[in-house]
Amino acid sequence: MAEDGKSTVRAVERALDILLCFTAKKEWAMTEIADNVGLHKSTVHRMLSTLEERGFVVRDPASERYRLGLRIWELSANMSGADDPAVIGLPEMERLRDTLGETISLYLRDGNERIRIQAVQSVQAIRRVAPIGVRLPLYVGASSKVLIAFEEPTKREELLQDPSWPSNFDRQLYREQLEDWRALGYATSVEEREQGAAAVAAPVFSRTGKLVAALSVSGPANRFTLEIMRSQAPAVMEAARRLGVMLK
């Protein structure tokens, strides 16, 4: 009985691993999924067939590629938006976009990564496009700085000790810079993660004072200069404050 239980749990884990492939890109061939999750093609084929029957994935007969099915959207439609920063923050993010004219993003920390959970794209012809759901490293970028700098001291040190950080990363210098960002109340980055991109970010605290997210404004570095980011930082911090007031 125990072995059957373990087998069932293992099957669930494998099915979830397959579904999580779709956080990286929208369509996958079966062989690509098998390579990505490290399972035999026959196993992946059986699981995809079951997921397809239940409506969680859809197979394109012409290309033989898979994409997420409508059942995923049915599940997401039933998520409670009462405490969801991505839902609650959208009007404030749109207002900030209309005020500053650049792309607005909202990030949550997940372990040693950050995830973009909401974005409002700039309406300018040349703009930085920020797709939702993207995972990014925590050691680089304005939002990453904010998510570390304003974390509780013990958690902050735990993050800085994470062995996954690059071996050539100067952690001592980074610690010193964290204090500067905490004093400012925001952080900036220019072409740190992505060439030609710049961003300014501020922390979002809940009403209880807990760090919840990082609110950022990003744009092309040749237009969104350090001087402009500094001048717009108060507006970003105020938007982050207003967003936080709405969170428990």
Protein backbone atom coordinates (compact mmCIF):
# COMPACT_ATOMS: atom_id res chain seq x y z
CA MET A 1 0.00 0.00 0.00
CA ALA A 2 2.84 2.32 0.87
CA GLU A 3 4.51 1.61 -2.44
CA ASP A 4 1.29 2.42 -4.29
CA GLY A 5 1.11 5.69 -2.37
CA LYS A 6 4.66 6.59 -3.32
CA SER A 7 3.95 5.71 -6.93
CA THR A 8 0.87 7.94 -6.93
CA VAL A 9 2.77 10.87 -5.46
CA ARG A 10 5.57 10.38 -7.98
CA ALA A 11 3.06 10.40 -10.84
CA VAL A 12 1.55 13.65 -9.52
CA GLU A 13 5.01 15.24 -9.26
CA ARG A 14 5.81 14.23 -12.83
CA ALA A 15 2.52 15.61 -14.13
CA LEU A 16 3.14 18.89 -12.33
CA ASP A 17 6.68 19.05 -13.73
CA ILE A 18 5.21 18.69 -17.20
CA LEU A 19 2.70 21.49 -16.60
CA LEU A 20 5.43 23.71 -15.18
CA CYS A 21 7.28 23.47 -18.51
CA PHE A 22 4.68 25.90 -19.84
CA THR A 23 5.97 28.65 -17.55
CA ALA A 24 9.04 28.81 -19.82
CA LYS A 25 7.30 28.90 -23.20
CA LYS A 26 3.83 28.51 -24.64
CA GLU A 27 4.25 25.44 -26.87
CA TRP A 28 6.26 22.25 -26.53
CA ALA A 29 6.86 19.12 -28.56
CA MET A 30 6.57 15.90 -26.60
CA THR A 31 10.26 15.09 -27.07
CA GLU A 32 11.18 18.57 -25.79
CA ILE A 33 9.12 18.04 -22.65
CA ALA A 34 10.72 14.61 -22.11
CA ASP A 35 14.19 16.14 -22.35
CA ASN A 36 13.24 19.04 -20.10
CA VAL A 37 11.79 16.96 -17.25
CA GLY A 38 14.18 14.02 -17.66
CA LEU A 39 11.54 11.35 -18.30
CA HIS A 40 11.20 8.66 -20.96
CA LYS A 41 9.12 9.67 -23.96
CA SER A 42 6.60 6.88 -23.36
CA THR A 43 5.99 8.12 -19.80
CA VAL A 44 5.54 11.70 -20.97
CA HIS A 45 3.22 10.55 -23.75
CA ARG A 46 0.94 8.75 -21.26
CA MET A 47 0.84 11.74 -18.95
CA LEU A 48 0.19 14.20 -21.76
CA SER A 49 -2.65 11.99 -22.99
CA THR A 50 -4.25 12.08 -19.53
CA LEU A 51 -3.73 15.83 -19.19
CA GLU A 52 -5.23 16.30 -22.64
CA GLU A 53 -8.28 14.20 -21.74
CA ARG A 54 -8.84 16.35 -18.65
CA GLY A 55 -8.43 19.59 -20.62
CA PHE A 56 -5.20 20.77 -19.01
CA VAL A 57 -3.26 20.66 -22.28
CA VAL A 58 -4.23 20.80 -25.94
CA ARG A 59 -2.38 19.12 -28.80
CA ASP A 60 -2.17 20.76 -32.21
CA PRO A 61 -2.71 17.92 -34.73
CA ALA A 62 -0.78 19.75 -37.44
CA SER A 63 2.39 20.56 -35.49
CA GLU A 64 2.09 17.82 -32.82
CA ARG A 65 2.92 20.47 -30.23
CA TYR A 66 1.20 20.98 -26.91
CA ARG A 67 -0.08 24.12 -25.21
CA LEU A 68 -2.09 24.80 -22.06
CA GLY A 69 -5.80 23.99 -22.21
CA LEU A 70 -8.87 25.87 -21.04
CA ARG A 71 -9.05 23.94 -17.77
CA ILE A 72 -6.01 25.93 -16.57
CA TRP A 73 -7.87 29.17 -17.17
CA GLU A 74 -10.95 27.80 -15.40
CA LEU A 75 -8.80 27.17 -12.33
CA SER A 76 -7.18 30.59 -12.45
CA ALA A 77 -10.58 32.27 -12.84
CA ASN A 78 -11.57 30.87 -9.44
CA MET A 79 -8.55 32.25 -7.63
CA SER A 80 -9.47 34.71 -4.92
CA GLY A 81 -8.32 38.19 -5.83
CA ALA A 82 -9.02 39.58 -2.37
CA ASP A 83 -5.39 39.34 -1.25
CA ASP A 84 -3.67 38.96 -4.63
CA PRO A 85 -1.18 41.81 -5.20
CA ALA A 86 -1.35 41.23 -8.96
CA VAL A 87 -5.09 41.93 -8.94
CA ILE A 88 -5.17 44.61 -6.27
CA GLY A 89 -2.19 46.49 -7.68
CA LEU A 90 -3.28 46.69 -11.30
CA PRO A 91 -5.20 50.01 -11.10
CA GLU A 92 -2.32 51.65 -9.23
CA MET A 93 0.17 50.28 -11.76
CA GLU A 94 -1.89 51.62 -14.64
CA ARG A 95 -2.06 55.01 -12.98
CA LEU A 96 1.73 55.03 -12.51
CA ARG A 97 2.23 54.01 -16.16
CA ASP A 98 0.01 56.85 -17.31
CA THR A 99 1.97 59.27 -15.11
CA LEU A 100 5.51 58.19 -15.99
CA GLY A 101 4.99 56.71 -19.43
CA GLU A 102 7.17 53.64 -18.90
CA THR A 103 6.54 49.92 -18.28
CA ILE A 104 5.45 49.01 -14.74
CA SER A 105 6.13 45.60 -13.17
CA LEU A 106 5.31 43.93 -9.88
CA TYR A 107 7.66 41.24 -8.52
CA LEU A 108 7.42 38.69 -5.73
CA ARG A 109 10.37 36.79 -4.31
CA ASP A 110 10.34 33.00 -4.55
CA GLY A 111 13.43 31.55 -2.90
CA ASN A 112 16.48 32.99 -4.64
CA GLU A 113 14.49 34.20 -7.65
CA ARG A 114 11.95 36.90 -8.35
CA ILE A 115 8.80 36.41 -10.40
CA ARG A 116 7.02 39.09 -12.40
CA ILE A 117 3.39 38.58 -11.38
CA GLN A 118 1.91 41.64 -13.09
CA ALA A 119 2.96 44.15 -15.74
CA VAL A 120 1.51 47.19 -17.47
CA GLN A 121 3.25 47.92 -20.74
CA SER A 122 4.39 51.37 -21.82
CA VAL A 123 2.41 52.89 -24.67
CA GLN A 124 5.51 54.43 -26.23
CA ALA A 125 6.68 53.16 -29.60
CA ILE A 126 10.09 52.17 -28.21
CA ARG A 127 9.48 50.43 -24.92
CA ARG A 128 10.60 47.61 -22.73
CA VAL A 129 8.19 44.67 -22.91
CA ALA A 130 7.79 42.79 -19.62
CA PRO A 131 6.08 39.39 -19.96
CA ILE A 132 4.21 38.11 -16.89
CA GLY A 133 5.39 34.93 -15.19
CA VAL A 134 9.08 35.36 -15.94
CA ARG A 135 11.55 34.18 -13.29
CA LEU A 136 14.71 36.22 -12.85
CA PRO A 137 17.80 35.92 -10.62
CA LEU A 138 17.75 37.69 -7.30
CA TYR A 139 21.31 38.99 -7.37
CA VAL A 140 20.88 41.55 -10.15
CA GLY A 141 18.36 44.26 -11.08
CA ALA A 142 16.56 47.05 -9.22
CA SER A 143 13.67 44.88 -8.04
CA SER A 144 16.05 42.20 -6.77
CA LYS A 145 17.92 44.81 -4.75
CA VAL A 146 14.67 45.96 -3.18
CA LEU A 147 13.51 42.43 -2.38
CA ILE A 148 16.76 41.80 -0.49
CA ALA A 149 17.47 45.23 1.01
CA PHE A 150 14.09 45.55 2.71
CA GLU A 151 13.81 41.96 3.88
CA GLU A 152 14.15 41.10 7.56
CA PRO A 153 17.85 41.01 8.64
CA THR A 154 17.99 37.26 9.28
CA LYS A 155 16.27 36.44 5.99
CA ARG A 156 18.46 38.98 4.18
CA GLU A 157 21.63 37.31 5.44
CA GLU A 158 20.24 33.90 4.57
CA LEU A 159 19.67 35.05 1.01
CA LEU A 160 23.17 36.51 0.78
CA GLN A 161 24.66 33.20 1.93
CA ASP A 162 22.84 31.22 -0.76
CA PRO A 163 25.42 29.07 -2.61
CA SER A 164 23.68 29.56 -5.95
CA TRP A 165 24.98 33.13 -6.27
CA PRO A 166 27.84 33.58 -8.78
CA SER A 167 31.24 32.72 -7.28
CA ASN A 168 32.74 36.04 -8.42
CA PHE A 169 29.96 38.09 -6.80
CA ASP A 170 31.28 40.60 -4.24
CA ARG A 171 28.88 39.98 -1.37
CA GLN A 172 30.57 42.39 1.01
CA LEU A 173 30.22 45.27 -1.44
CA TYR A 174 26.64 44.24 -2.05
CA ARG A 175 25.91 44.33 1.70
CA GLU A 176 27.23 47.89 1.85
CA GLN A 177 25.09 48.89 -1.13
CA LEU A 178 22.04 47.38 0.54
CA GLU A 179 22.33 49.96 3.30
CA ASP A 180 22.40 52.76 0.71
CA TRP A 181 19.23 51.45 -0.94
CA ARG A 182 17.50 51.10 2.42
CA ALA A 183 18.38 54.70 3.25
CA LEU A 184 17.09 55.93 -0.11
CA GLY A 185 13.92 53.87 -0.01
CA TYR A 186 14.42 52.64 -3.57
CA ALA A 187 16.99 51.06 -5.89
CA THR A 188 18.05 51.57 -9.51
CA SER A 189 19.79 49.48 -12.14
CA VAL A 190 21.24 50.30 -15.54
CA GLU A 191 21.98 47.47 -17.96
CA GLU A 192 22.74 45.06 -15.11
CA ARG A 193 20.68 42.12 -16.35
CA GLU A 194 19.61 43.19 -19.81
CA GLN A 195 21.56 45.34 -22.23
CA GLY A 196 19.82 48.63 -23.01
CA ALA A 197 17.38 48.41 -20.08
CA ALA A 198 17.14 50.51 -16.91
CA ALA A 199 14.81 50.33 -13.92
CA VAL A 200 13.91 51.92 -10.61
CA ALA A 201 12.08 49.94 -7.93
CA ALA A 202 10.51 50.52 -4.51
CA PRO A 203 9.36 48.07 -1.83
CA VAL A 204 5.70 47.27 -1.25
CA PHE A 205 4.85 46.65 2.41
CA SER A 206 1.55 45.29 3.68
CA ARG A 207 -0.44 47.11 6.35
CA THR A 208 1.29 44.93 8.95
CA GLY A 209 4.71 46.08 7.74
CA LYS A 210 5.67 42.88 5.95
CA LEU A 211 7.64 43.14 2.69
CA VAL A 212 5.30 41.81 0.01
CA ALA A 213 6.68 42.82 -3.37
CA ALA A 214 8.78 45.19 -5.44
CA LEU A 215 7.16 47.75 -7.73
CA SER A 216 9.37 48.78 -10.63
CA VAL A 217 9.40 51.15 -13.58
CA SER A 218 11.61 50.19 -16.51
CA GLY A 219 12.48 51.53 -19.92
CA PRO A 220 15.24 51.90 -22.51
CA ALA A 221 18.45 53.06 -20.84
CA ASN A 222 19.06 55.79 -23.42
CA ARG A 223 15.73 57.39 -22.50
CA PHE A 224 15.23 56.26 -18.92
CA THR A 225 18.44 57.73 -17.54
CA LEU A 226 19.70 57.57 -13.97
CA GLU A 227 18.82 61.24 -13.52
CA ILE A 228 15.26 60.67 -14.66
CA MET A 229 14.91 57.56 -12.49
CA ARG A 230 16.02 59.48 -9.42
CA SER A 231 13.56 62.26 -10.16
CA GLN A 232 10.72 59.75 -10.58
CA ALA A 233 11.62 57.63 -7.54
CA PRO A 234 9.25 59.56 -5.20
CA ALA A 235 6.31 58.77 -7.48
CA VAL A 236 7.27 55.09 -7.52
CA MET A 237 7.61 54.99 -3.72
CA GLU A 238 4.25 56.70 -3.27
CA ALA A 239 2.57 54.24 -5.65
CA ALA A 240 4.16 51.36 -3.73
CA ARG A 241 2.89 52.83 -0.46
CA ARG A 242 -0.66 53.17 -1.78
CA LEU A 243 -0.57 49.63 -3.14
CA GLY A 244 0.62 48.32 0.22
CA VAL A 245 -2.21 50.00 2.10
CA MET A 246 -4.59 47.73 0.21
CA LEU A 247 -2.80 44.56 1.31
CA LYS A 248 -3.25 42.75 4.61
